[in-house]
C-alpha atoms as a PDB file:
ATOM      1  CA  UNK A   1      -0.028  -0.198   0.106  1.00  0.00           C
ATOM      2  CA  UNK A   2       1.299   3.547  -0.973  1.00  0.00           C
ATOM      3  CA  UNK A   3       1.207   5.827   1.743  1.00  0.00           C
ATOM      4  CA  UNK A   4       0.215   9.444   0.519  1.00  0.00           C
ATOM      5  CA  UNK A   5       1.055  12.279   2.821  1.00  0.00           C
ATOM      6  CA  UNK A   6      -1.553  15.251   2.939  1.00  0.00           C
ATOM      7  CA  UNK A   7      -1.395  18.724   4.320  1.00  0.00           C
ATOM      8  CA  UNK A   8      -3.288  21.730   4.271  1.00  0.00           C
ATOM      9  CA  UNK A   9      -3.034  25.423   5.506  1.00  0.00           C
ATOM     10  CA  UNK A  10      -5.026  28.570   5.412  1.00  0.00           C
ATOM     11  CA  UNK A  11      -3.016  31.778   5.838  1.00  0.00           C
ATOM     12  CA  UNK A  12      -4.562  35.267   6.411  1.00  0.00           C
ATOM     13  CA  UNK A  13      -2.601  37.785   3.910  1.00  0.00           C
ATOM     14  CA  UNK A  14      -3.230  40.529   6.453  1.00  0.00           C
ATOM     15  CA  UNK A  15      -1.984  38.633   9.417  1.00  0.00           C
ATOM     16  CA  UNK A  16       1.215  37.698   7.344  1.00  0.00           C
ATOM     17  CA  UNK A  17       1.709  41.204   6.130  1.00  0.00           C
ATOM     18  CA  UNK A  18       1.654  42.438  10.044  1.00  0.00           C
ATOM     19  CA  UNK A  19       4.467  39.786  10.855  1.00  0.00           C
ATOM     20  CA  UNK A  20       6.503  40.675   7.501  1.00  0.00           C
ATOM     21  CA  UNK A  21       6.411  44.538   8.707  1.00  0.00           C
ATOM     22  CA  UNK A  22       7.623  43.772  12.006  1.00  0.00           C
ATOM     23  CA  UNK A  23      10.593  41.571  10.676  1.00  0.00           C
ATOM     24  CA  UNK A  24      13.836  42.755   9.488  1.00  0.00           C
ATOM     25  CA  UNK A  25      15.770  40.873   6.763  1.00  0.00           C
ATOM     26  CA  UNK A  26      17.862  38.789   9.311  1.00  0.00           C
ATOM     27  CA  UNK A  27      14.475  37.680  10.990  1.00  0.00           C
ATOM     28  CA  UNK A  28      12.851  36.950   7.842  1.00  0.00           C
ATOM     29  CA  UNK A  29      15.844  34.829   7.100  1.00  0.00           C
ATOM     30  CA  UNK A  30      14.939  32.382   9.893  1.00  0.00           C
ATOM     31  CA  UNK A  31      11.429  31.513   8.386  1.00  0.00           C
ATOM     32  CA  UNK A  32      11.955  31.956   4.624  1.00  0.00           C
ATOM     33  CA  UNK A  33      14.516  30.826   2.261  1.00  0.00           C
ATOM     34  CA  UNK A  34      16.595  32.958   0.184  1.00  0.00           C
ATOM     35  CA  UNK A  35      14.667  32.343  -2.985  1.00  0.00           C
ATOM     36  CA  UNK A  36      11.368  33.047  -0.962  1.00  0.00           C
ATOM     37  CA  UNK A  37      12.637  36.303  -0.142  1.00  0.00           C
ATOM     38  CA  UNK A  38      14.013  37.318  -3.286  1.00  0.00           C
ATOM     39  CA  UNK A  39      10.557  36.367  -4.990  1.00  0.00           C
ATOM     40  CA  UNK A  40       8.763  38.267  -2.720  1.00  0.00           C
ATOM     41  CA  UNK A  41      10.937  41.416  -3.331  1.00  0.00           C
ATOM     42  CA  UNK A  42      10.056  41.170  -7.250  1.00  0.00           C
ATOM     43  CA  UNK A  43       6.462  40.108  -6.451  1.00  0.00           C
ATOM     44  CA  UNK A  44       3.532  42.459  -7.359  1.00  0.00           C
ATOM     45  CA  UNK A  45       2.141  41.853  -3.878  1.00  0.00           C
ATOM     46  CA  UNK A  46       4.885  40.626  -1.643  1.00  0.00           C
ATOM     47  CA  UNK A  47       2.631  39.863   1.233  1.00  0.00           C
ATOM     48  CA  UNK A  48       0.502  37.688  -0.572  1.00  0.00           C
ATOM     49  CA  UNK A  49       3.902  35.888  -1.819  1.00  0.00           C
ATOM     50  CA  UNK A  50       4.906  35.656   1.803  1.00  0.00           C
ATOM     51  CA  UNK A  51       1.599  34.087   2.759  1.00  0.00           C
ATOM     52  CA  UNK A  52       1.575  31.397   0.039  1.00  0.00           C
ATOM     53  CA  UNK A  53       5.165  30.459   1.440  1.00  0.00           C
ATOM     54  CA  UNK A  54       4.427  30.421   4.883  1.00  0.00           C
ATOM     55  CA  UNK A  55       1.114  28.221   4.104  1.00  0.00           C
ATOM     56  CA  UNK A  56       3.116  25.915   2.125  1.00  0.00           C
ATOM     57  CA  UNK A  57       5.542  25.381   5.023  1.00  0.00           C
ATOM     58  CA  UNK A  58       2.847  24.698   7.345  1.00  0.00           C
ATOM     59  CA  UNK A  59       1.210  22.423   4.797  1.00  0.00           C
ATOM     60  CA  UNK A  60       4.519  20.587   4.312  1.00  0.00           C
ATOM     61  CA  UNK A  61       4.913  20.296   8.045  1.00  0.00           C
ATOM     62  CA  UNK A  62       1.336  18.718   8.452  1.00  0.00           C
ATOM     63  CA  UNK A  63       1.913  16.161   5.823  1.00  0.00           C
ATOM     64  CA  UNK A  64       5.413  15.065   7.530  1.00  0.00           C
ATOM     65  CA  UNK A  65       3.433  14.838  10.834  1.00  0.00           C
ATOM     66  CA  UNK A  66       5.708  17.093  12.704  1.00  0.00           C
ATOM     67  CA  UNK A  67       4.162  20.469  12.136  1.00  0.00           C
ATOM     68  CA  UNK A  68       6.700  23.658  11.973  1.00  0.00           C
ATOM     69  CA  UNK A  69       8.764  22.216  15.124  1.00  0.00           C
ATOM     70  CA  UNK A  70      10.140  19.284  13.091  1.00  0.00           C
ATOM     71  CA  UNK A  71      12.423  21.056  10.710  1.00  0.00           C
ATOM     72  CA  UNK A  72      14.171  24.663   9.915  1.00  0.00           C
ATOM     73  CA  UNK A  73      11.460  26.885   8.384  1.00  0.00           C
ATOM     74  CA  UNK A  74      13.724  27.739   5.360  1.00  0.00           C
ATOM     75  CA  UNK A  75      14.199  23.951   4.629  1.00  0.00           C
ATOM     76  CA  UNK A  76      11.053  24.213   2.864  1.00  0.00           C
ATOM     77  CA  UNK A  77      11.044  26.509   0.000  1.00  0.00           C
ATOM     78  CA  UNK A  78       7.743  27.423  -2.015  1.00  0.00           C
ATOM     79  CA  UNK A  79       8.377  28.201  -5.622  1.00  0.00           C
ATOM     80  CA  UNK A  80       5.512  30.206  -7.245  1.00  0.00           C
ATOM     81  CA  UNK A  81       5.417  30.320 -10.887  1.00  0.00           C
ATOM     82  CA  UNK A  82       2.251  32.299 -12.277  1.00  0.00           C
ATOM     83  CA  UNK A  83      -0.527  29.987 -10.937  1.00  0.00           C
ATOM     84  CA  UNK A  84       1.864  27.021 -10.190  1.00  0.00           C
ATOM     85  CA  UNK A  85       3.104  25.936  -6.773  1.00  0.00           C
ATOM     86  CA  UNK A  86       6.240  23.788  -6.208  1.00  0.00           C
ATOM     87  CA  UNK A  87       7.964  23.007  -2.779  1.00  0.00           C
ATOM     88  CA  UNK A  88      11.476  22.233  -2.548  1.00  0.00           C
ATOM     89  CA  UNK A  89      12.791  20.305   0.672  1.00  0.00           C
ATOM     90  CA  UNK A  90      16.333  20.637   2.081  1.00  0.00           C
ATOM     91  CA  UNK A  91      17.983  19.437   5.365  1.00  0.00           C
ATOM     92  CA  UNK A  92      15.597  18.017   7.969  1.00  0.00           C
ATOM     93  CA  UNK A  93      12.563  18.482   5.934  1.00  0.00           C
ATOM     94  CA  UNK A  94      14.055  16.457   3.114  1.00  0.00           C
ATOM     95  CA  UNK A  95      15.416  13.691   5.594  1.00  0.00           C
ATOM     96  CA  UNK A  96      11.997  13.524   7.220  1.00  0.00           C
ATOM     97  CA  UNK A  97      10.511  12.999   3.996  1.00  0.00           C
ATOM     98  CA  UNK A  98      12.883  10.714   2.303  1.00  0.00           C
ATOM     99  CA  UNK A  99      12.358   9.957  -1.314  1.00  0.00           C
ATOM    100  CA  UNK A 100       8.935  11.752  -1.806  1.00  0.00           C
ATOM    101  CA  UNK A 101       7.554  13.229  -4.834  1.00  0.00           C
ATOM    102  CA  UNK A 102       5.435  16.432  -4.030  1.00  0.00           C
ATOM    103  CA  UNK A 103       2.623  18.237  -5.657  1.00  0.00           C
ATOM    104  CA  UNK A 104       1.239  21.535  -4.498  1.00  0.00           C
ATOM    105  CA  UNK A 105      -1.554  23.812  -5.148  1.00  0.00           C
ATOM    106  CA  UNK A 106      -3.183  27.004  -3.989  1.00  0.00           C
ATOM    107  CA  UNK A 107      -6.187  29.375  -3.969  1.00  0.00           C
ATOM    108  CA  UNK A 108      -6.817  32.881  -3.015  1.00  0.00           C
ATOM    109  CA  UNK A 109      -9.970  34.609  -2.227  1.00  0.00           C
ATOM    110  CA  UNK A 110     -11.032  37.492   0.218  1.00  0.00           C
ATOM    111  CA  UNK A 111      -7.567  38.185   1.701  1.00  0.00           C
ATOM    112  CA  UNK A 112      -7.090  34.397   2.362  1.00  0.00           C
ATOM    113  CA  UNK A 113      -4.490  31.719   0.879  1.00  0.00           C
ATOM    114  CA  UNK A 114      -5.270  28.292   1.005  1.00  0.00           C
ATOM    115  CA  UNK A 115      -2.187  25.696   0.236  1.00  0.00           C
ATOM    116  CA  UNK A 116      -2.459  22.040   0.075  1.00  0.00           C
ATOM    117  CA  UNK A 117       0.254  19.764  -0.790  1.00  0.00           C
ATOM    118  CA  UNK A 118       0.374  15.940  -1.478  1.00  0.00           C
ATOM    119  CA  UNK A 119       3.407  13.680  -1.192  1.00  0.00           C
ATOM    120  CA  UNK A 120       4.098  10.112  -2.053  1.00  0.00           C
ATOM    121  CA  UNK A 121       7.142   7.651  -2.296  1.00  0.00           C
ATOM    122  CA  UNK A 122       9.037   7.620  -5.380  1.00  0.00           C
ATOM    123  CA  UNK A 123       9.282   4.173  -7.117  1.00  0.00           C
ATOM    124  CA  UNK A 124      11.754   1.813  -5.406  1.00  0.00           C
ATOM    125  CA  UNK A 125      11.262   3.710  -2.092  1.00  0.00           C
END
C-alpha cells in the first residue's frame, strides 16, 4: 500500500503582512528561504507571496506529521510560478520526507490563501 502524505493550511494575508512588516531581513531569513525572499521582493504583492510561502511550509509540516517544530522553516521552499506552486525540501525536512515526490497547489480569495500539498513515495522507495 502506498502512503500518501497530505497537508493543508490557510493563511490570512493581512496577518502575514503584519508579521512581515515587524521583521527585519535577518529575522525573515529565519523563516523564509533566500529564493522566497528574493521572489517576494519582485512580486506584485509581496505580502501575498509570503502568505503562500508560509502556508506551504505549514502544509508540508502537517503532511510530514511534525508541524513547524520538526524542521528549520527555510528548509521548505515554496516556488510560485504564475498560478503554479512547487515545494522544495532541504535539510531536516528532506530527511523526514525521504524519497517523496510532492505536488502543491493554492487558491486565493477574500484576503486568504489556501495551500494543499500531497507527497507520495518515489518508485523503489
